[in-house]
C-alpha atoms as a PDB file:
ATOM      1  CA  MET A   1      -1.001  22.421  -0.121  1.00  0.00           C
ATOM      2  CA  ALA A   2       2.527  21.288  -0.467  1.00  0.00           C
ATOM      3  CA  LYS A   3       3.298  17.888  -1.904  1.00  0.00           C
ATOM      4  CA  ARG A   4       4.476  15.239   0.776  1.00  0.00           C
ATOM      5  CA  LYS A   5       7.240  12.728  -0.014  1.00  0.00           C
ATOM      6  CA  ILE A   6       6.407   9.261  -0.059  1.00  0.00           C
ATOM      7  CA  VAL A   7       8.462   6.869   2.036  1.00  0.00           C
ATOM      8  CA  TRP A   8       8.346   2.927   2.048  1.00  0.00           C
ATOM      9  CA  SER A   9       8.861   1.076   5.264  1.00  0.00           C
ATOM     10  CA  ALA A  10      10.884  -2.286   4.758  1.00  0.00           C
ATOM     11  CA  LYS A  11       7.699  -4.175   5.536  1.00  0.00           C
ATOM     12  CA  SER A  12       5.936  -2.614   2.797  1.00  0.00           C
ATOM     13  CA  ARG A  13       8.391  -3.072   0.343  1.00  0.00           C
ATOM     14  CA  ILE A  14       8.435  -6.840   0.969  1.00  0.00           C
ATOM     15  CA  ASP A  15       4.814  -7.138   1.079  1.00  0.00           C
ATOM     16  CA  LEU A  16       4.626  -5.643  -2.531  1.00  0.00           C
ATOM     17  CA  PHE A  17       7.279  -7.817  -3.701  1.00  0.00           C
ATOM     18  CA  GLN A  18       5.463 -10.922  -2.363  1.00  0.00           C
ATOM     19  CA  ILE A  19       2.414 -10.104  -3.870  1.00  0.00           C
ATOM     20  CA  LEU A  20       3.985  -9.375  -7.408  1.00  0.00           C
ATOM     21  CA  GLU A  21       5.833 -12.550  -6.912  1.00  0.00           C
ATOM     22  CA  TYR A  22       2.918 -14.642  -6.264  1.00  0.00           C
ATOM     23  CA  PHE A  23       1.417 -13.396  -9.356  1.00  0.00           C
ATOM     24  CA  TYR A  24       4.412 -14.037 -11.374  1.00  0.00           C
ATOM     25  CA  ILE A  25       4.927 -17.563 -10.255  1.00  0.00           C
ATOM     26  CA  ARG A  26       1.100 -18.329 -10.542  1.00  0.00           C
ATOM     27  CA  ASN A  27       0.778 -16.871 -14.056  1.00  0.00           C
ATOM     28  CA  GLY A  28       4.085 -17.837 -15.385  1.00  0.00           C
ATOM     29  CA  SER A  29       4.359 -14.143 -16.708  1.00  0.00           C
ATOM     30  CA  LYS A  30       5.489 -10.803 -15.523  1.00  0.00           C
ATOM     31  CA  THR A  31       2.674  -9.216 -17.390  1.00  0.00           C
ATOM     32  CA  TYR A  32      -0.026  -9.184 -14.571  1.00  0.00           C
ATOM     33  CA  SER A  33       2.680  -8.335 -11.965  1.00  0.00           C
ATOM     34  CA  ILE A  34       3.854  -5.318 -14.047  1.00  0.00           C
ATOM     35  CA  LYS A  35       0.325  -4.171 -14.381  1.00  0.00           C
ATOM     36  CA  LEU A  36      -0.587  -4.646 -10.688  1.00  0.00           C
ATOM     37  CA  ASN A  37       2.683  -2.756  -9.528  1.00  0.00           C
ATOM     38  CA  SER A  38       1.638   0.207 -11.590  1.00  0.00           C
ATOM     39  CA  LYS A  39      -1.921   0.454 -10.149  1.00  0.00           C
ATOM     40  CA  ILE A  40      -0.639   0.298  -6.799  1.00  0.00           C
ATOM     41  CA  ARG A  41       2.079   2.903  -7.246  1.00  0.00           C
ATOM     42  CA  ARG A  42      -0.243   5.229  -9.084  1.00  0.00           C
ATOM     43  CA  ALA A  43      -2.753   4.908  -6.246  1.00  0.00           C
ATOM     44  CA  ILE A  44      -0.137   5.840  -3.633  1.00  0.00           C
ATOM     45  CA  ARG A  45       1.605   8.633  -5.644  1.00  0.00           C
ATOM     46  CA  LEU A  46      -2.060  10.284  -5.269  1.00  0.00           C
ATOM     47  CA  LEU A  47      -1.411  10.308  -1.700  1.00  0.00           C
ATOM     48  CA  SER A  48       1.415  12.751  -1.907  1.00  0.00           C
ATOM     49  CA  ASN A  49      -1.065  15.580  -3.111  1.00  0.00           C
ATOM     50  CA  HIS A  50      -4.092  14.106  -1.350  1.00  0.00           C
ATOM     51  CA  PRO A  51      -3.079  12.561   2.022  1.00  0.00           C
ATOM     52  CA  SER A  52      -6.543  12.404   3.380  1.00  0.00           C
ATOM     53  CA  LEU A  53      -7.706  10.127   0.497  1.00  0.00           C
ATOM     54  CA  GLY A  54      -7.680   6.918   2.561  1.00  0.00           C
ATOM     55  CA  LEU A  55      -9.965   6.149   5.272  1.00  0.00           C
ATOM     56  CA  GLN A  56      -9.210   6.413   8.943  1.00  0.00           C
ATOM     57  CA  SER A  57      -8.481   3.080  10.483  1.00  0.00           C
ATOM     58  CA  ASP A  58      -9.018   2.015  14.239  1.00  0.00           C
ATOM     59  CA  ASN A  59      -5.484   2.892  14.750  1.00  0.00           C
ATOM     60  CA  ASP A  60      -4.587   6.481  15.430  1.00  0.00           C
ATOM     61  CA  ASN A  61      -2.818   8.370  12.579  1.00  0.00           C
ATOM     62  CA  VAL A  62      -2.992   5.411  10.276  1.00  0.00           C
ATOM     63  CA  ARG A  63      -5.055   5.596   7.381  1.00  0.00           C
ATOM     64  CA  THR A  64      -6.313   3.040   4.605  1.00  0.00           C
ATOM     65  CA  LEU A  65      -6.317   3.390   0.796  1.00  0.00           C
ATOM     66  CA  VAL A  66      -8.139   0.683  -1.234  1.00  0.00           C
ATOM     67  CA  GLU A  67      -6.941  -0.160  -4.825  1.00  0.00           C
ATOM     68  CA  GLY A  68      -8.845  -3.343  -6.172  1.00  0.00           C
ATOM     69  CA  ASP A  69      -8.067  -6.127  -3.854  1.00  0.00           C
ATOM     70  CA  TYR A  70      -5.171  -4.238  -1.725  1.00  0.00           C
ATOM     71  CA  ALA A  71      -5.460  -2.069   1.202  1.00  0.00           C
ATOM     72  CA  ILE A  72      -2.636   0.111   1.491  1.00  0.00           C
ATOM     73  CA  PHE A  73      -1.702   1.526   5.150  1.00  0.00           C
ATOM     74  CA  TYR A  74       0.122   4.509   5.724  1.00  0.00           C
ATOM     75  CA  GLN A  75       0.969   7.334   8.041  1.00  0.00           C
ATOM     76  CA  ILE A  76       0.712  11.030   7.726  1.00  0.00           C
ATOM     77  CA  ASP A  77       3.784  13.433   8.904  1.00  0.00           C
ATOM     78  CA  LYS A  78       4.027  16.993   8.201  1.00  0.00           C
ATOM     79  CA  GLU A  79       6.289  16.199   5.274  1.00  0.00           C
ATOM     80  CA  SER A  80       6.114  12.612   4.303  1.00  0.00           C
ATOM     81  CA  ILE A  81       3.408   9.685   3.876  1.00  0.00           C
ATOM     82  CA  LEU A  82       4.775   6.398   5.153  1.00  0.00           C
ATOM     83  CA  ILE A  83       3.507   3.437   3.625  1.00  0.00           C
ATOM     84  CA  THR A  84       3.785   0.763   6.497  1.00  0.00           C
ATOM     85  CA  THR A  85       1.694  -2.163   5.091  1.00  0.00           C
ATOM     86  CA  ILE A  86       0.250  -3.222   1.615  1.00  0.00           C
ATOM     87  CA  TRP A  87      -2.625  -6.290   2.449  1.00  0.00           C
ATOM     88  CA  ASP A  88      -4.070  -8.464   0.080  1.00  0.00           C
ATOM     89  CA  CYS A  89      -7.861  -8.335   1.264  1.00  0.00           C
ATOM     90  CA  THR A  90      -8.585 -11.901   0.030  1.00  0.00           C
ATOM     91  CA  GLN A  91      -6.189 -13.210   2.766  1.00  0.00           C
ATOM     92  CA  ASN A  92      -7.512 -13.894   6.210  1.00  0.00           C
ATOM     93  CA  PRO A  93      -7.957 -10.727   8.157  1.00  0.00           C
ATOM     94  CA  ASN A  94      -6.698 -12.262  11.496  1.00  0.00           C
ATOM     95  CA  LYS A  95      -3.334 -12.336   9.951  1.00  0.00           C
ATOM     96  CA  LEU A  96      -3.333  -8.686   9.473  1.00  0.00           C
ATOM     97  CA  ILE A  97      -0.769  -6.764  11.630  1.00  0.00           C
ATOM     98  CA  ILE A  98      -0.648  -3.004  11.152  1.00  0.00           C
ATOM     99  CA  PRO A  99       2.537  -1.228  12.686  1.00  0.00           C
ATOM    100  CA  LYS A 100       1.937   1.447  14.881  1.00  0.00           C
END
């Protein structure tokens, strides 16, 4: 199977930035944010070779990969994988909006 390119939506980039910024401010150090960023990006890199790794969500063509307390929502295309949202699962689930 061919390796797919990972494409980040603007929303997913903002989601990740906000998660990392939260821990930087809370902890007063970049150490945990750097480790968390590495974990999330490592999980996403796995998708390029194994796009069906995540669970199928209720929305068509949207899958979810769980890494620790974070759900990574993505869509599979013939040539790419679009990361649409990164969700902190400790938040209120009623606030979750998954782009279609």
